[in-house]
All heavy atoms as atom14 arrays in JSON, in Angstrom:
{
  "sequence": "LIIGGGDGLALRDVLRWNPKKVTLIDLDAKLMSLFREPKTHL",
  "atom14_mask": [
    [1, 1, 1, 1, 1, 1, 1, 1, 0, 0, 0, 0, 0, 0],
    [1, 1, 1, 1, 1, 1, 1, 1, 0, 0, 0, 0, 0, 0],
    [1, 1, 1, 1, 1, 1, 1, 1, 0, 0, 0, 0, 0, 0],
    [1, 1, 1, 1, 0, 0, 0, 0, 0, 0, 0, 0, 0, 0],
    [1, 1, 1, 1, 0, 0, 0, 0, 0, 0, 0, 0, 0, 0],
    [1, 1, 1, 1, 0, 0, 0, 0, 0, 0, 0, 0, 0, 0],
    [1, 1, 1, 1, 1, 1, 1, 1, 0, 0, 0, 0, 0, 0],
    [1, 1, 1, 1, 0, 0, 0, 0, 0, 0, 0, 0, 0, 0],
    [1, 1, 1, 1, 1, 1, 1, 1, 0, 0, 0, 0, 0, 0],
    [1, 1, 1, 1, 1, 0, 0, 0, 0, 0, 0, 0, 0, 0],
    [1, 1, 1, 1, 1, 1, 1, 1, 0, 0, 0, 0, 0, 0],
    [1, 1, 1, 1, 1, 1, 1, 1, 1, 1, 1, 0, 0, 0],
    [1, 1, 1, 1, 1, 1, 1, 1, 0, 0, 0, 0, 0, 0],
    [1, 1, 1, 1, 1, 1, 1, 0, 0, 0, 0, 0, 0, 0],
    [1, 1, 1, 1, 1, 1, 1, 1, 0, 0, 0, 0, 0, 0],
    [1, 1, 1, 1, 1, 1, 1, 1, 1, 1, 1, 0, 0, 0],
    [1, 1, 1, 1, 1, 1, 1, 1, 1, 1, 1, 1, 1, 1],
    [1, 1, 1, 1, 1, 1, 1, 1, 0, 0, 0, 0, 0, 0],
    [1, 1, 1, 1, 1, 1, 1, 0, 0, 0, 0, 0, 0, 0],
    [1, 1, 1, 1, 1, 1, 1, 1, 1, 0, 0, 0, 0, 0],
    [1, 1, 1, 1, 1, 1, 1, 1, 1, 0, 0, 0, 0, 0],
    [1, 1, 1, 1, 1, 1, 1, 0, 0, 0, 0, 0, 0, 0],
    [1, 1, 1, 1, 1, 1, 1, 0, 0, 0, 0, 0, 0, 0],
    [1, 1, 1, 1, 1, 1, 1, 1, 0, 0, 0, 0, 0, 0],
    [1, 1, 1, 1, 1, 1, 1, 1, 0, 0, 0, 0, 0, 0],
    [1, 1, 1, 1, 1, 1, 1, 1, 0, 0, 0, 0, 0, 0],
    [1, 1, 1, 1, 1, 1, 1, 1, 0, 0, 0, 0, 0, 0],
    [1, 1, 1, 1, 1, 1, 1, 1, 0, 0, 0, 0, 0, 0],
    [1, 1, 1, 1, 1, 0, 0, 0, 0, 0, 0, 0, 0, 0],
    [1, 1, 1, 1, 1, 1, 1, 1, 1, 0, 0, 0, 0, 0],
    [1, 1, 1, 1, 1, 1, 1, 1, 0, 0, 0, 0, 0, 0],
    [1, 1, 1, 1, 1, 1, 1, 1, 0, 0, 0, 0, 0, 0],
    [1, 1, 1, 1, 1, 1, 0, 0, 0, 0, 0, 0, 0, 0],
    [1, 1, 1, 1, 1, 1, 1, 1, 0, 0, 0, 0, 0, 0],
    [1, 1, 1, 1, 1, 1, 1, 1, 1, 1, 1, 0, 0, 0],
    [1, 1, 1, 1, 1, 1, 1, 1, 1, 1, 1, 0, 0, 0],
    [1, 1, 1, 1, 1, 1, 1, 1, 1, 0, 0, 0, 0, 0],
    [1, 1, 1, 1, 1, 1, 1, 0, 0, 0, 0, 0, 0, 0],
    [1, 1, 1, 1, 1, 1, 1, 1, 1, 0, 0, 0, 0, 0],
    [1, 1, 1, 1, 1, 1, 1, 0, 0, 0, 0, 0, 0, 0],
    [1, 1, 1, 1, 1, 1, 1, 1, 1, 1, 0, 0, 0, 0],
    [1, 1, 1, 1, 1, 1, 1, 1, 0, 0, 0, 0, 0, 0]
  ],
  "atom14_positions": [
    [[2.21, -10.95, 4.23], [3.37, -9.98, 3.9], [3.35, -9.68, 2.43], [3.31, -10.55, 1.55], [4.67, -10.69, 4.27], [5.93, -9.91, 3.91], [5.99, -8.55, 4.6], [7.2, -10.74, 4.18], [0.0, 0.0, 0.0], [0.0, 0.0, 0.0], [0.0, 0.0, 0.0], [0.0, 0.0, 0.0], [0.0, 0.0, 0.0], [0.0, 0.0, 0.0]],
    [[3.47, -8.33, 2.07], [3.66, -7.92, 0.77], [4.93, -7.19, 0.7], [5.21, -6.29, 1.46], [2.53, -6.99, 0.32], [1.08, -7.64, 0.44], [2.77, -6.5, -1.19], [-0.1, -6.72, 0.2], [0.0, 0.0, 0.0], [0.0, 0.0, 0.0], [0.0, 0.0, 0.0], [0.0, 0.0, 0.0], [0.0, 0.0, 0.0], [0.0, 0.0, 0.0]],
    [[5.71, -7.64, -0.26], [7.11, -7.02, -0.58], [7.04, -6.24, -1.82], [6.75, -6.82, -2.9], [8.21, -8.09, -0.6], [8.32, -8.7, 0.82], [9.54, -7.36, -0.86], [9.27, -9.8, 0.8], [0.0, 0.0, 0.0], [0.0, 0.0, 0.0], [0.0, 0.0, 0.0], [0.0, 0.0, 0.0], [0.0, 0.0, 0.0], [0.0, 0.0, 0.0]],
    [[7.17, -4.96, -1.84], [6.9, -4.11, -3.02], [5.42, -3.66, -2.93], [4.83, -3.52, -1.87], [0.0, 0.0, 0.0], [0.0, 0.0, 0.0], [0.0, 0.0, 0.0], [0.0, 0.0, 0.0], [0.0, 0.0, 0.0], [0.0, 0.0, 0.0], [0.0, 0.0, 0.0], [0.0, 0.0, 0.0], [0.0, 0.0, 0.0], [0.0, 0.0, 0.0]],
    [[4.89, -3.39, -4.09], [3.46, -3.09, -4.18], [3.18, -1.65, -3.51], [2.12, -1.51, -2.81], [0.0, 0.0, 0.0], [0.0, 0.0, 0.0], [0.0, 0.0, 0.0], [0.0, 0.0, 0.0], [0.0, 0.0, 0.0], [0.0, 0.0, 0.0], [0.0, 0.0, 0.0], [0.0, 0.0, 0.0], [0.0, 0.0, 0.0], [0.0, 0.0, 0.0]],
    [[4.02, -0.7, -3.73], [3.89, 0.58, -3.13], [2.7, 1.36, -3.67], [2.34, 2.48, -3.06], [0.0, 0.0, 0.0], [0.0, 0.0, 0.0], [0.0, 0.0, 0.0], [0.0, 0.0, 0.0], [0.0, 0.0, 0.0], [0.0, 0.0, 0.0], [0.0, 0.0, 0.0], [0.0, 0.0, 0.0], [0.0, 0.0, 0.0], [0.0, 0.0, 0.0]],
    [[2.08, 0.93, -4.67], [0.86, 1.66, -5.19], [-0.44, 1.17, -4.42], [-1.49, 1.82, -4.62], [0.63, 1.37, -6.74], [0.71, -0.15, -7.04], [0.29, -0.96, -6.21], [1.17, -0.52, -8.13], [0.0, 0.0, 0.0], [0.0, 0.0, 0.0], [0.0, 0.0, 0.0], [0.0, 0.0, 0.0], [0.0, 0.0, 0.0], [0.0, 0.0, 0.0]],
    [[-0.34, 0.16, -3.58], [-1.44, -0.2, -2.7], [-2.44, -1.04, -3.44], [-3.55, -1.32, -2.8], [0.0, 0.0, 0.0], [0.0, 0.0, 0.0], [0.0, 0.0, 0.0], [0.0, 0.0, 0.0], [0.0, 0.0, 0.0], [0.0, 0.0, 0.0], [0.0, 0.0, 0.0], [0.0, 0.0, 0.0], [0.0, 0.0, 0.0], [0.0, 0.0, 0.0]],
    [[-2.28, -1.43, -4.66], [-3.29, -2.19, -5.4], [-3.29, -3.7, -4.99], [-4.36, -4.24, -4.84], [-3.13, -2.08, -6.92], [-3.26, -0.6, -7.43], [-3.02, -0.51, -8.89], [-4.67, -0.09, -7.08], [0.0, 0.0, 0.0], [0.0, 0.0, 0.0], [0.0, 0.0, 0.0], [0.0, 0.0, 0.0], [0.0, 0.0, 0.0], [0.0, 0.0, 0.0]],
    [[-2.14, -4.3, -4.91], [-2.13, -5.67, -4.35], [-2.67, -5.71, -2.95], [-3.4, -6.64, -2.52], [-0.68, -6.27, -4.41], [0.0, 0.0, 0.0], [0.0, 0.0, 0.0], [0.0, 0.0, 0.0], [0.0, 0.0, 0.0], [0.0, 0.0, 0.0], [0.0, 0.0, 0.0], [0.0, 0.0, 0.0], [0.0, 0.0, 0.0], [0.0, 0.0, 0.0]],
    [[-2.34, -4.65, -2.15], [-2.82, -4.54, -0.81], [-4.36, -4.49, -0.78], [-5.07, -5.11, 0.09], [-2.19, -3.33, -0.13], [-2.8, -2.88, 1.19], [-2.39, -4.0, 2.28], [-2.07, -1.55, 1.69], [0.0, 0.0, 0.0], [0.0, 0.0, 0.0], [0.0, 0.0, 0.0], [0.0, 0.0, 0.0], [0.0, 0.0, 0.0], [0.0, 0.0, 0.0]],
    [[-4.95, -3.71, -1.71], [-6.4, -3.59, -1.9], [-7.02, -5.05, -2.01], [-8.02, -5.37, -1.4], [-6.7, -2.74, -3.03], [-8.19, -2.61, -3.49], [-8.31, -2.32, -4.92], [-7.72, -3.29, -5.77], [-7.47, -3.1, -7.02], [-7.64, -1.92, -7.58], [-6.91, -4.1, -7.75], [0.0, 0.0, 0.0], [0.0, 0.0, 0.0], [0.0, 0.0, 0.0]],
    [[-6.35, -5.83, -2.88], [-6.94, -7.08, -3.18], [-6.79, -8.11, -1.93], [-7.63, -8.97, -1.71], [-6.37, -7.74, -4.42], [-6.86, -7.02, -5.71], [-7.7, -6.12, -5.6], [-6.43, -7.45, -6.78], [0.0, 0.0, 0.0], [0.0, 0.0, 0.0], [0.0, 0.0, 0.0], [0.0, 0.0, 0.0], [0.0, 0.0, 0.0], [0.0, 0.0, 0.0]],
    [[-5.64, -7.98, -1.36], [-5.44, -8.78, -0.13], [-6.44, -8.49, 0.9], [-7.0, -9.38, 1.6], [-4.0, -8.61, 0.46], [-3.82, -9.21, 1.82], [-2.93, -9.24, -0.52], [0.0, 0.0, 0.0], [0.0, 0.0, 0.0], [0.0, 0.0, 0.0], [0.0, 0.0, 0.0], [0.0, 0.0, 0.0], [0.0, 0.0, 0.0], [0.0, 0.0, 0.0]],
    [[-6.78, -7.19, 1.18], [-7.74, -6.83, 2.17], [-9.13, -7.39, 1.93], [-9.94, -7.51, 2.85], [-7.79, -5.25, 2.29], [-6.53, -4.66, 2.87], [-6.62, -3.09, 2.74], [-6.38, -5.03, 4.31], [0.0, 0.0, 0.0], [0.0, 0.0, 0.0], [0.0, 0.0, 0.0], [0.0, 0.0, 0.0], [0.0, 0.0, 0.0], [0.0, 0.0, 0.0]],
    [[-9.44, -7.8, 0.7], [-10.71, -8.39, 0.33], [-10.89, -9.75, 1.02], [-12.0, -10.28, 1.23], [-10.94, -8.51, -1.17], [-11.02, -7.29, -1.99], [-10.96, -7.54, -3.46], [-12.1, -8.28, -3.91], [-12.03, -9.56, -4.43], [-10.79, -10.14, -4.49], [-13.06, -10.2, -4.71], [0.0, 0.0, 0.0], [0.0, 0.0, 0.0], [0.0, 0.0, 0.0]],
    [[-9.8, -10.36, 1.45], [-9.79, -11.72, 2.02], [-9.9, -11.54, 3.57], [-9.74, -12.56, 4.31], [-8.45, -12.43, 1.67], [-8.46, -12.9, 0.31], [-8.18, -12.1, -0.77], [-8.67, -14.17, -0.21], [-8.3, -12.86, -1.96], [-8.52, -14.14, -1.64], [-8.98, -15.44, 0.34], [-8.68, -15.31, -2.39], [-9.07, -16.57, -0.36], [-9.03, -16.51, -1.77]],
    [[-10.17, -10.42, 3.98], [-10.4, -10.08, 5.54], [-9.23, -10.65, 6.4], [-9.49, -11.38, 7.36], [-11.71, -10.68, 5.9], [-12.22, -10.04, 7.29], [-11.82, -8.95, 7.62], [-12.93, -10.8, 8.0], [0.0, 0.0, 0.0], [0.0, 0.0, 0.0], [0.0, 0.0, 0.0], [0.0, 0.0, 0.0], [0.0, 0.0, 0.0], [0.0, 0.0, 0.0]],
    [[-7.99, -10.27, 6.17], [-6.88, -10.72, 6.95], [-6.92, -9.97, 8.32], [-7.52, -8.88, 8.43], [-5.73, -10.33, 6.21], [-6.13, -9.18, 5.4], [-7.54, -9.45, 5.06], [0.0, 0.0, 0.0], [0.0, 0.0, 0.0], [0.0, 0.0, 0.0], [0.0, 0.0, 0.0], [0.0, 0.0, 0.0], [0.0, 0.0, 0.0], [0.0, 0.0, 0.0]],
    [[-6.21, -10.52, 9.35], [-6.14, -9.83, 10.61], [-5.08, -8.78, 10.57], [-5.19, -7.69, 11.14], [-5.8, -10.82, 11.7], [-6.88, -11.82, 11.96], [-6.52, -12.8, 12.98], [-7.63, -13.81, 13.37], [-7.22, -14.8, 14.39], [0.0, 0.0, 0.0], [0.0, 0.0, 0.0], [0.0, 0.0, 0.0], [0.0, 0.0, 0.0], [0.0, 0.0, 0.0]],
    [[-3.97, -9.01, 9.77], [-2.94, -8.07, 9.57], [-2.26, -8.17, 8.22], [-2.03, -9.32, 7.83], [-1.93, -8.14, 10.76], [-0.87, -7.13, 10.72], [0.05, -7.15, 12.0], [1.03, -5.91, 11.89], [1.88, -5.85, 13.14], [0.0, 0.0, 0.0], [0.0, 0.0, 0.0], [0.0, 0.0, 0.0], [0.0, 0.0, 0.0], [0.0, 0.0, 0.0]],
    [[-1.81, -7.07, 7.56], [-1.07, -7.14, 6.43], [0.17, -6.26, 6.65], [0.04, -5.05, 7.04], [-1.85, -6.64, 5.19], [-1.02, -6.73, 3.94], [-3.12, -7.38, 5.05], [0.0, 0.0, 0.0], [0.0, 0.0, 0.0], [0.0, 0.0, 0.0], [0.0, 0.0, 0.0], [0.0, 0.0, 0.0], [0.0, 0.0, 0.0], [0.0, 0.0, 0.0]],
    [[1.32, -6.7, 6.4], [2.6, -5.98, 6.48], [3.09, -5.72, 5.11], [3.2, -6.69, 4.28], [3.64, -6.74, 7.27], [3.07, -6.9, 8.6], [4.99, -5.91, 7.34], [0.0, 0.0, 0.0], [0.0, 0.0, 0.0], [0.0, 0.0, 0.0], [0.0, 0.0, 0.0], [0.0, 0.0, 0.0], [0.0, 0.0, 0.0], [0.0, 0.0, 0.0]],
    [[3.4, -4.45, 4.76], [3.79, -4.09, 3.36], [5.2, -3.38, 3.46], [5.3, -2.43, 4.19], [2.82, -3.19, 2.66], [3.14, -2.83, 1.21], [1.83, -2.72, 0.41], [3.89, -1.6, 1.07], [0.0, 0.0, 0.0], [0.0, 0.0, 0.0], [0.0, 0.0, 0.0], [0.0, 0.0, 0.0], [0.0, 0.0, 0.0], [0.0, 0.0, 0.0]],
    [[6.16, -3.88, 2.79], [7.5, -3.25, 2.77], [7.8, -2.73, 1.35], [7.73, -3.43, 0.33], [8.56, -4.4, 3.1], [8.26, -5.06, 4.41], [9.97, -3.79, 3.1], [9.25, -6.21, 4.72], [0.0, 0.0, 0.0], [0.0, 0.0, 0.0], [0.0, 0.0, 0.0], [0.0, 0.0, 0.0], [0.0, 0.0, 0.0], [0.0, 0.0, 0.0]],
    [[8.07, -1.44, 1.27], [8.47, -0.82, 0.09], [9.6, 0.2, 0.3], [9.46, 0.87, 1.32], [7.21, -0.19, -0.61], [7.5, 0.08, -2.14], [8.24, 1.14, -2.37], [7.12, -0.59, -2.99], [0.0, 0.0, 0.0], [0.0, 0.0, 0.0], [0.0, 0.0, 0.0], [0.0, 0.0, 0.0], [0.0, 0.0, 0.0], [0.0, 0.0, 0.0]],
    [[10.42, 0.35, -0.62], [11.61, 1.21, -0.41], [11.26, 2.73, -0.47], [11.77, 3.51, 0.32], [12.65, 0.93, -1.46], [13.91, 1.71, -1.43], [14.76, 1.56, -0.17], [14.78, 1.35, -2.73], [0.0, 0.0, 0.0], [0.0, 0.0, 0.0], [0.0, 0.0, 0.0], [0.0, 0.0, 0.0], [0.0, 0.0, 0.0], [0.0, 0.0, 0.0]],
    [[10.31, 3.04, -1.33], [10.16, 4.48, -1.63], [8.93, 5.02, -0.85], [7.75, 4.92, -1.17], [9.72, 4.55, -3.19], [9.99, 5.92, -3.72], [9.84, 6.87, -2.92], [10.19, 6.06, -4.85], [0.0, 0.0, 0.0], [0.0, 0.0, 0.0], [0.0, 0.0, 0.0], [0.0, 0.0, 0.0], [0.0, 0.0, 0.0], [0.0, 0.0, 0.0]],
    [[9.27, 5.68, 0.22], [8.27, 6.33, 1.08], [7.46, 7.4, 0.4], [6.27, 7.55, 0.64], [8.95, 6.89, 2.33], [0.0, 0.0, 0.0], [0.0, 0.0, 0.0], [0.0, 0.0, 0.0], [0.0, 0.0, 0.0], [0.0, 0.0, 0.0], [0.0, 0.0, 0.0], [0.0, 0.0, 0.0], [0.0, 0.0, 0.0], [0.0, 0.0, 0.0]],
    [[8.11, 8.11, -0.45], [7.43, 9.18, -1.11], [6.36, 8.7, -2.17], [5.27, 9.2, -2.24], [8.44, 10.16, -1.93], [7.73, 11.29, -2.62], [8.87, 12.25, -3.27], [8.16, 13.42, -3.92], [9.15, 14.39, -4.56], [0.0, 0.0, 0.0], [0.0, 0.0, 0.0], [0.0, 0.0, 0.0], [0.0, 0.0, 0.0], [0.0, 0.0, 0.0]],
    [[6.73, 7.58, -2.82], [5.77, 6.95, -3.7], [4.54, 6.42, -2.95], [3.44, 6.68, -3.33], [6.5, 5.73, -4.41], [5.59, 4.73, -5.11], [4.98, 5.45, -6.29], [6.29, 3.52, -5.52], [0.0, 0.0, 0.0], [0.0, 0.0, 0.0], [0.0, 0.0, 0.0], [0.0, 0.0, 0.0], [0.0, 0.0, 0.0], [0.0, 0.0, 0.0]],
    [[4.8, 5.82, -1.81], [3.66, 5.32, -0.99], [2.75, 6.49, -0.47], [1.55, 6.33, -0.44], [4.17, 4.47, 0.18], [4.63, 3.12, -0.27], [5.02, 1.98, 1.06], [6.49, 2.72, 1.78], [0.0, 0.0, 0.0], [0.0, 0.0, 0.0], [0.0, 0.0, 0.0], [0.0, 0.0, 0.0], [0.0, 0.0, 0.0], [0.0, 0.0, 0.0]],
    [[3.42, 7.62, -0.14], [2.63, 8.78, 0.36], [1.69, 9.31, -0.7], [0.62, 9.8, -0.4], [3.56, 9.87, 0.85], [4.29, 10.55, -0.27], [0.0, 0.0, 0.0], [0.0, 0.0, 0.0], [0.0, 0.0, 0.0], [0.0, 0.0, 0.0], [0.0, 0.0, 0.0], [0.0, 0.0, 0.0], [0.0, 0.0, 0.0], [0.0, 0.0, 0.0]],
    [[2.11, 9.17, -2.04], [1.2, 9.63, -3.18], [-0.14, 8.76, -3.12], [-1.1, 9.33, -3.39], [1.92, 9.53, -4.49], [3.08, 10.4, -4.71], [3.67, 10.15, -6.08], [2.64, 11.86, -4.69], [0.0, 0.0, 0.0], [0.0, 0.0, 0.0], [0.0, 0.0, 0.0], [0.0, 0.0, 0.0], [0.0, 0.0, 0.0], [0.0, 0.0, 0.0]],
    [[0.04, 7.54, -2.9], [-1.0, 6.64, -2.92], [-1.86, 6.55, -1.63], [-3.02, 6.28, -1.59], [-0.67, 5.17, -3.37], [-0.3, 5.12, -4.85], [0.95, 5.24, -5.18], [-1.31, 4.83, -5.8], [1.41, 5.15, -6.54], [-0.93, 4.73, -7.14], [0.39, 4.89, -7.53], [0.0, 0.0, 0.0], [0.0, 0.0, 0.0], [0.0, 0.0, 0.0]],
    [[-1.12, 6.87, -0.52], [-1.83, 6.89, 0.79], [-2.56, 8.14, 0.93], [-3.74, 8.16, 1.47], [-0.72, 6.83, 1.95], [-1.4, 6.81, 3.28], [-0.4, 7.02, 4.36], [0.71, 5.93, 4.45], [1.88, 6.07, 4.12], [2.43, 7.27, 3.81], [2.76, 5.02, 4.19], [0.0, 0.0, 0.0], [0.0, 0.0, 0.0], [0.0, 0.0, 0.0]],
    [[-2.08, 9.3, 0.51], [-2.7, 10.61, 0.7], [-2.67, 11.29, -0.64], [-2.08, 12.39, -0.75], [-1.98, 11.41, 1.75], [-1.97, 10.75, 3.12], [-1.13, 11.48, 4.16], [-0.12, 12.17, 3.65], [-1.42, 11.43, 5.32], [0.0, 0.0, 0.0], [0.0, 0.0, 0.0], [0.0, 0.0, 0.0], [0.0, 0.0, 0.0], [0.0, 0.0, 0.0]],
    [[-3.36, 10.86, -1.65], [-3.3, 11.45, -2.98], [-3.93, 12.89, -3.04], [-3.38, 13.75, -3.76], [-4.15, 10.55, -3.86], [-5.08, 9.81, -2.85], [-4.26, 9.66, -1.62], [0.0, 0.0, 0.0], [0.0, 0.0, 0.0], [0.0, 0.0, 0.0], [0.0, 0.0, 0.0], [0.0, 0.0, 0.0], [0.0, 0.0, 0.0], [0.0, 0.0, 0.0]],
    [[-4.79, 13.19, -2.14], [-5.35, 14.56, -2.13], [-4.35, 15.61, -1.7], [-4.41, 16.84, -2.06], [-6.61, 14.68, -1.27], [-7.82, 13.86, -1.8], [-9.02, 14.02, -0.94], [-10.25, 13.29, -1.63], [-11.46, 13.35, -0.7], [0.0, 0.0, 0.0], [0.0, 0.0, 0.0], [0.0, 0.0, 0.0], [0.0, 0.0, 0.0], [0.0, 0.0, 0.0]],
    [[-3.34, 15.19, -0.91], [-2.29, 16.08, -0.4], [-1.31, 16.38, -1.49], [-0.75, 17.47, -1.5], [-1.65, 15.46, 0.84], [-2.63, 15.12, 1.79], [-0.62, 16.38, 1.46], [0.0, 0.0, 0.0], [0.0, 0.0, 0.0], [0.0, 0.0, 0.0], [0.0, 0.0, 0.0], [0.0, 0.0, 0.0], [0.0, 0.0, 0.0], [0.0, 0.0, 0.0]],
    [[-1.08, 15.44, -2.38], [0.05, 15.59, -3.34], [-0.3, 15.72, -4.79], [0.51, 16.33, -5.63], [0.96, 14.27, -3.19], [1.44, 14.05, -1.82], [2.48, 14.76, -1.19], [1.04, 13.08, -0.87], [2.65, 14.26, 0.01], [1.84, 13.24, 0.22], [0.0, 0.0, 0.0], [0.0, 0.0, 0.0], [0.0, 0.0, 0.0], [0.0, 0.0, 0.0]],
    [[-1.47, 15.28, -5.11], [-1.8, 15.16, -6.56], [-2.92, 16.1, -6.94], [-3.66, 16.56, -6.16], [-2.26, 13.78, -6.91], [-1.18, 12.59, -6.6], [-1.79, 11.25, -6.82], [0.06, 12.83, -7.41], [0.0, 0.0, 0.0], [0.0, 0.0, 0.0], [0.0, 0.0, 0.0], [0.0, 0.0, 0.0], [0.0, 0.0, 0.0], [0.0, 0.0, 0.0]]
  ]
}
């Protein structure tokens, strides 16, 4: 579980450990969309 980390960088490092599932909670959906689909917004 990651709380915060809406830029996806902590998530990137967690995925290197080959987990079965990662849950990320962040308040700002628009912020996360910038990092999820940067080509759409930036």
